[in-house]
């Protein structure tokens, strides 16, 4: 019975709101973090709402030619 609750919770977390997953976060230049974004970052979206955040840097990164 415990495994059923675990599966239900997992499905609920991955299918909730605007949760896009770590691949999309990383592809858009962000990092998935648990809890809060660190100093110099902002919340861009969620990797797994509401626990894991997709944080991006406040300063734009410079592309090398």
PDB file of N, CA and C in Angstrom:
ATOM      1  N   UNK A   1       0.818  -1.189   0.000  1.00  0.00           N
ATOM      2  CA  UNK A   1       0.000   0.000   0.000  1.00  0.00           C
ATOM      3  C   UNK A   1       0.869   1.262   0.000  1.00  0.00           C
ATOM      4  N   UNK A   2       2.022   1.211   0.662  1.00  0.00           N
ATOM      5  CA  UNK A   2       2.904   2.382   0.697  1.00  0.00           C
ATOM      6  C   UNK A   2       3.403   2.741  -0.694  1.00  0.00           C
ATOM      7  N   UNK A   3       3.673   1.727  -1.511  1.00  0.00           N
ATOM      8  CA  UNK A   3       4.186   1.987  -2.857  1.00  0.00           C
ATOM      9  C   UNK A   3       3.139   2.719  -3.694  1.00  0.00           C
ATOM     10  N   UNK A   4       1.866   2.421  -3.489  1.00  0.00           N
ATOM     11  CA  UNK A   4       0.811   3.124  -4.209  1.00  0.00           C
ATOM     12  C   UNK A   4       0.764   4.596  -3.841  1.00  0.00           C
ATOM     13  N   UNK A   5       0.943   4.905  -2.565  1.00  0.00           N
ATOM     14  CA  UNK A   5       0.981   6.306  -2.128  1.00  0.00           C
ATOM     15  C   UNK A   5       2.192   7.020  -2.721  1.00  0.00           C
ATOM     16  N   UNK A   6       3.322   6.347  -2.761  1.00  0.00           N
ATOM     17  CA  UNK A   6       4.527   6.935  -3.341  1.00  0.00           C
ATOM     18  C   UNK A   6       4.321   7.249  -4.820  1.00  0.00           C
ATOM     19  N   UNK A   7       3.730   6.315  -5.544  1.00  0.00           N
ATOM     20  CA  UNK A   7       3.465   6.527  -6.968  1.00  0.00           C
ATOM     21  C   UNK A   7       2.485   7.679  -7.164  1.00  0.00           C
ATOM     22  N   UNK A   8       1.448   7.737  -6.359  1.00  0.00           N
ATOM     23  CA  UNK A   8       0.472   8.817  -6.450  1.00  0.00           C
ATOM     24  C   UNK A   8       1.117  10.176  -6.182  1.00  0.00           C
ATOM     25  N   UNK A   9       1.948  10.270  -5.166  1.00  0.00           N
ATOM     26  CA  UNK A   9       2.632  11.527  -4.848  1.00  0.00           C
ATOM     27  C   UNK A   9       3.575  11.911  -5.980  1.00  0.00           C
ATOM     28  N   UNK A  10       4.317  10.960  -6.512  1.00  0.00           N
ATOM     29  CA  UNK A  10       5.244  11.235  -7.610  1.00  0.00           C
ATOM     30  C   UNK A  10       4.502  11.759  -8.837  1.00  0.00           C
ATOM     31  N   UNK A  11       3.407  11.132  -9.195  1.00  0.00           N
ATOM     32  CA  UNK A  11       2.621  11.573 -10.348  1.00  0.00           C
ATOM     33  C   UNK A  11       2.056  12.972 -10.106  1.00  0.00           C
ATOM     34  N   UNK A  12       1.594  13.228  -8.902  1.00  0.00           N
ATOM     35  CA  UNK A  12       1.052  14.534  -8.573  1.00  0.00           C
ATOM     36  C   UNK A  12       2.118  15.619  -8.681  1.00  0.00           C
ATOM     37  N   UNK A  13       3.316  15.352  -8.206  1.00  0.00           N
ATOM     38  CA  UNK A  13       4.385  16.353  -8.270  1.00  0.00           C
ATOM     39  C   UNK A  13       4.846  16.615  -9.699  1.00  0.00           C
ATOM     40  N   UNK A  14       4.940  15.585 -10.507  1.00  0.00           N
ATOM     41  CA  UNK A  14       5.443  15.767 -11.860  1.00  0.00           C
ATOM     42  C   UNK A  14       4.389  16.315 -12.804  1.00  0.00           C
ATOM     43  N   UNK A  15       3.120  16.219 -12.466  1.00  0.00           N
ATOM     44  CA  UNK A  15       2.053  16.658 -13.353  1.00  0.00           C
ATOM     45  C   UNK A  15       1.353  17.904 -12.840  1.00  0.00           C
ATOM     46  N   UNK A  16       1.938  18.640 -11.943  1.00  0.00           N
ATOM     47  CA  UNK A  16       1.281  19.759 -11.298  1.00  0.00           C
ATOM     48  C   UNK A  16       1.719  21.081 -11.909  1.00  0.00           C
ATOM     49  N   UNK A  17       0.778  21.934 -12.253  1.00  0.00           N
ATOM     50  CA  UNK A  17       1.065  23.297 -12.669  1.00  0.00           C
ATOM     51  C   UNK A  17       1.999  23.411 -13.858  1.00  0.00           C
ATOM     52  N   UNK A  18       2.998  24.286 -13.730  1.00  0.00           N
ATOM     53  CA  UNK A  18       3.930  24.559 -14.818  1.00  0.00           C
ATOM     54  C   UNK A  18       5.251  23.846 -14.601  1.00  0.00           C
ATOM     55  N   UNK A  19       5.206  22.676 -14.045  1.00  0.00           N
ATOM     56  CA  UNK A  19       6.428  21.904 -13.827  1.00  0.00           C
ATOM     57  C   UNK A  19       6.914  21.354 -15.158  1.00  0.00           C
ATOM     58  N   UNK A  20       8.108  21.751 -15.559  1.00  0.00           N
ATOM     59  CA  UNK A  20       8.616  21.363 -16.866  1.00  0.00           C
ATOM     60  C   UNK A  20       9.723  20.332 -16.798  1.00  0.00           C
ATOM     61  N   UNK A  21      10.357  20.175 -15.693  1.00  0.00           N
ATOM     62  CA  UNK A  21      11.431  19.202 -15.572  1.00  0.00           C
ATOM     63  C   UNK A  21      12.805  19.822 -15.761  1.00  0.00           C
ATOM     64  N   UNK A  22      13.826  19.110 -15.328  1.00  0.00           N
ATOM     65  CA  UNK A  22      15.188  19.646 -15.357  1.00  0.00           C
ATOM     66  C   UNK A  22      15.756  19.826 -16.753  1.00  0.00           C
ATOM     67  N   UNK A  23      15.337  19.018 -17.721  1.00  0.00           N
ATOM     68  CA  UNK A  23      15.894  19.138 -19.071  1.00  0.00           C
ATOM     69  C   UNK A  23      15.564  20.493 -19.695  1.00  0.00           C
ATOM     70  N   UNK A  24      14.319  20.923 -19.577  1.00  0.00           N
ATOM     71  CA  UNK A  24      13.923  22.206 -20.153  1.00  0.00           C
ATOM     72  C   UNK A  24      14.588  23.346 -19.391  1.00  0.00           C
ATOM     73  N   UNK A  25      14.689  23.226 -18.079  1.00  0.00           N
ATOM     74  CA  UNK A  25      15.348  24.258 -17.272  1.00  0.00           C
ATOM     75  C   UNK A  25      16.807  24.412 -17.699  1.00  0.00           C
ATOM     76  N   UNK A  26      17.528  23.310 -17.800  1.00  0.00           N
ATOM     77  CA  UNK A  26      18.937  23.356 -18.195  1.00  0.00           C
ATOM     78  C   UNK A  26      19.098  23.857 -19.622  1.00  0.00           C
ATOM     79  N   UNK A  27      18.203  23.465 -20.500  1.00  0.00           N
ATOM     80  CA  UNK A  27      18.277  23.887 -21.897  1.00  0.00           C
ATOM     81  C   UNK A  27      18.110  25.407 -22.029  1.00  0.00           C
ATOM     82  N   UNK A  28      17.308  25.998 -21.155  1.00  0.00           N
ATOM     83  CA  UNK A  28      17.073  27.439 -21.190  1.00  0.00           C
ATOM     84  C   UNK A  28      18.080  28.206 -20.335  1.00  0.00           C
ATOM     85  N   UNK A  29      19.122  27.547 -19.863  1.00  0.00           N
ATOM     86  CA  UNK A  29      20.174  28.223 -19.115  1.00  0.00           C
ATOM     87  C   UNK A  29      19.954  28.326 -17.622  1.00  0.00           C
ATOM     88  N   UNK A  30      19.084  27.529 -17.077  1.00  0.00           N
ATOM     89  CA  UNK A  30      18.814  27.565 -15.648  1.00  0.00           C
ATOM     90  C   UNK A  30      19.349  26.340 -14.937  1.00  0.00           C
ATOM     91  N   UNK A  31      19.239  26.364 -13.614  1.00  0.00           N
ATOM     92  CA  UNK A  31      19.634  25.242 -12.774  1.00  0.00           C
ATOM     93  C   UNK A  31      18.494  24.911 -11.827  1.00  0.00           C
ATOM     94  N   UNK A  32      18.233  23.634 -11.643  1.00  0.00           N
ATOM     95  CA  UNK A  32      17.205  23.209 -10.696  1.00  0.00           C
ATOM     96  C   UNK A  32      17.788  23.241  -9.290  1.00  0.00           C
ATOM     97  N   UNK A  33      17.070  23.885  -8.378  1.00  0.00           N
ATOM     98  CA  UNK A  33      17.508  23.988  -6.987  1.00  0.00           C
ATOM     99  C   UNK A  33      16.344  23.661  -6.056  1.00  0.00           C
ATOM    100  N   UNK A  34      16.671  23.056  -4.940  1.00  0.00           N
ATOM    101  CA  UNK A  34      15.662  22.734  -3.932  1.00  0.00           C
ATOM    102  C   UNK A  34      15.584  23.886  -2.939  1.00  0.00           C
ATOM    103  N   UNK A  35      14.366  24.335  -2.663  1.00  0.00           N
ATOM    104  CA  UNK A  35      14.165  25.363  -1.641  1.00  0.00           C
ATOM    105  C   UNK A  35      14.142  26.764  -2.195  1.00  0.00           C
ATOM    106  N   UNK A  36      15.310  27.385  -2.330  1.00  0.00           N
ATOM    107  CA  UNK A  36      15.401  28.772  -2.771  1.00  0.00           C
ATOM    108  C   UNK A  36      16.515  28.942  -3.792  1.00  0.00           C
ATOM    109  N   UNK A  37      16.367  29.955  -4.631  1.00  0.00           N
ATOM    110  CA  UNK A  37      17.451  30.318  -5.533  1.00  0.00           C
ATOM    111  C   UNK A  37      18.533  31.019  -4.712  1.00  0.00           C
ATOM    112  N   UNK A  38      19.781  30.888  -5.132  1.00  0.00           N
ATOM    113  CA  UNK A  38      20.877  31.532  -4.404  1.00  0.00           C
ATOM    114  C   UNK A  38      20.978  33.001  -4.802  1.00  0.00           C
ATOM    115  N   UNK A  39      21.813  33.727  -4.105  1.00  0.00           N
ATOM    116  CA  UNK A  39      22.018  35.144  -4.383  1.00  0.00           C
ATOM    117  C   UNK A  39      22.498  35.328  -5.818  1.00  0.00           C
ATOM    118  N   UNK A  40      21.903  36.286  -6.517  1.00  0.00           N
ATOM    119  CA  UNK A  40      22.262  36.539  -7.904  1.00  0.00           C
ATOM    120  C   UNK A  40      21.441  35.743  -8.896  1.00  0.00           C
ATOM    121  N   UNK A  41      20.426  35.015  -8.423  1.00  0.00           N
ATOM    122  CA  UNK A  41      19.552  34.238  -9.290  1.00  0.00           C
ATOM    123  C   UNK A  41      18.095  34.629  -9.037  1.00  0.00           C
ATOM    124  N   UNK A  42      17.245  34.321 -10.007  1.00  0.00           N
ATOM    125  CA  UNK A  42      15.809  34.540  -9.848  1.00  0.00           C
ATOM    126  C   UNK A  42      15.047  33.291 -10.266  1.00  0.00           C
ATOM    127  N   UNK A  43      13.817  33.172  -9.793  1.00  0.00           N
ATOM    128  CA  UNK A  43      12.968  32.034 -10.118  1.00  0.00           C
ATOM    129  C   UNK A  43      12.417  32.223 -11.527  1.00  0.00           C
ATOM    130  N   UNK A  44      12.796  31.348 -12.452  1.00  0.00           N
ATOM    131  CA  UNK A  44      12.333  31.437 -13.837  1.00  0.00           C
ATOM    132  C   UNK A  44      11.088  30.579 -14.055  1.00  0.00           C
ATOM    133  N   UNK A  45      11.066  29.402 -13.474  1.00  0.00           N
ATOM    134  CA  UNK A  45       9.943  28.468 -13.568  1.00  0.00           C
ATOM    135  C   UNK A  45      10.182  27.384 -12.532  1.00  0.00           C
ATOM    136  N   UNK A  46       9.459  26.296 -12.616  1.00  0.00           N
ATOM    137  CA  UNK A  46       9.633  25.179 -11.695  1.00  0.00           C
ATOM    138  C   UNK A  46      10.111  23.953 -12.447  1.00  0.00           C
ATOM    139  N   UNK A  47      11.038  23.215 -11.836  1.00  0.00           N
ATOM    140  CA  UNK A  47      11.409  21.903 -12.365  1.00  0.00           C
ATOM    141  C   UNK A  47      10.358  20.896 -11.922  1.00  0.00           C
ATOM    142  N   UNK A  48      10.020  20.894 -10.643  1.00  0.00           N
ATOM    143  CA  UNK A  48       8.939  20.102 -10.080  1.00  0.00           C
ATOM    144  C   UNK A  48       8.267  20.976  -9.033  1.00  0.00           C
ATOM    145  N   UNK A  49       7.124  21.546  -9.393  1.00  0.00           N
ATOM    146  CA  UNK A  49       6.423  22.483  -8.533  1.00  0.00           C
ATOM    147  C   UNK A  49       5.878  21.784  -7.306  1.00  0.00           C
ATOM    148  N   UNK A  50       5.892  22.328  -6.141  1.00  0.00           N
ATOM    149  CA  UNK A  50       6.461  23.598  -5.700  1.00  0.00           C
ATOM    150  C   UNK A  50       7.804  23.436  -5.010  1.00  0.00           C
ATOM    151  N   UNK A  51       8.410  22.262  -5.109  1.00  0.00           N
ATOM    152  CA  UNK A  51       9.599  21.963  -4.308  1.00  0.00           C
ATOM    153  C   UNK A  51      10.893  22.341  -5.006  1.00  0.00           C
ATOM    154  N   UNK A  52      11.046  21.981  -6.265  1.00  0.00           N
ATOM    155  CA  UNK A  52      12.305  22.192  -6.972  1.00  0.00           C
ATOM    156  C   UNK A  52      12.133  23.327  -7.969  1.00  0.00           C
ATOM    157  N   UNK A  53      12.930  24.368  -7.784  1.00  0.00           N
ATOM    158  CA  UNK A  53      12.829  25.582  -8.581  1.00  0.00           C
ATOM    159  C   UNK A  53      13.825  25.572  -9.729  1.00  0.00           C
ATOM    160  N   UNK A  54      13.486  26.263 -10.810  1.00  0.00           N
ATOM    161  CA  UNK A  54      14.416  26.491 -11.916  1.00  0.00           C
ATOM    162  C   UNK A  54      14.915  27.922 -11.770  1.00  0.00           C
ATOM    163  N   UNK A  55      16.175  28.080 -11.394  1.00  0.00           N
ATOM    164  CA  UNK A  55      16.749  29.396 -11.128  1.00  0.00           C
ATOM    165  C   UNK A  55      17.690  29.796 -12.256  1.00  0.00           C
ATOM    166  N   UNK A  56      17.615  31.076 -12.633  1.00  0.00           N
ATOM    167  CA  UNK A  56      18.503  31.613 -13.663  1.00  0.00           C
ATOM    168  C   UNK A  56      19.287  32.772 -13.090  1.00  0.00           C
ATOM    169  N   UNK A  57      20.453  33.002 -13.651  1.00  0.00           N
ATOM    170  CA  UNK A  57      21.331  34.075 -13.206  1.00  0.00           C
ATOM    171  C   UNK A  57      20.734  35.426 -13.576  1.00  0.00           C
ATOM    172  N   UNK A  58      20.897  36.419 -12.695  1.00  0.00           N
ATOM    173  CA  UNK A  58      20.421  37.766 -12.974  1.00  0.00           C
ATOM    174  C   UNK A  58      21.229  38.431 -14.075  1.00  0.00           C
ATOM    175  N   UNK A  59      22.533  38.169 -14.118  1.00  0.00           N
ATOM    176  CA  UNK A  59      23.380  38.771 -15.138  1.00  0.00           C
ATOM    177  C   UNK A  59      23.443  37.859 -16.358  1.00  0.00           C
ATOM    178  N   UNK A  60      23.291  38.424 -17.556  1.00  0.00           N
ATOM    179  CA  UNK A  60      23.348  37.582 -18.753  1.00  0.00           C
ATOM    180  C   UNK A  60      24.762  37.051 -18.974  1.00  0.00           C
ATOM    181  N   UNK A  61      24.837  35.827 -19.462  1.00  0.00           N
ATOM    182  CA  UNK A  61      26.136  35.230 -19.740  1.00  0.00           C
ATOM    183  C   UNK A  61      26.615  35.704 -21.104  1.00  0.00           C
ATOM    184  N   UNK A  62      27.909  35.886 -21.239  1.00  0.00           N
ATOM    185  CA  UNK A  62      28.485  36.371 -22.483  1.00  0.00           C
ATOM    186  C   UNK A  62      28.870  35.198 -23.352  1.00  0.00           C
ATOM    187  N   UNK A  63      28.435  35.224 -24.595  1.00  0.00           N
ATOM    188  CA  UNK A  63      28.763  34.149 -25.522  1.00  0.00           C
ATOM    189  C   UNK A  63      30.103  34.443 -26.168  1.00  0.00           C
ATOM    190  N   UNK A  64      30.970  33.433 -26.224  1.00  0.00           N
ATOM    191  CA  UNK A  64      32.270  33.601 -26.864  1.00  0.00           C
ATOM    192  C   UNK A  64      32.154  33.275 -28.346  1.00  0.00           C
ATOM    193  N   UNK A  65      32.810  34.059 -29.187  1.00  0.00           N
ATOM    194  CA  UNK A  65      32.785  33.809 -30.632  1.00  0.00           C
ATOM    195  C   UNK A  65      33.920  32.925 -31.043  1.00  0.00           C
TER     196      UNK A  65
END
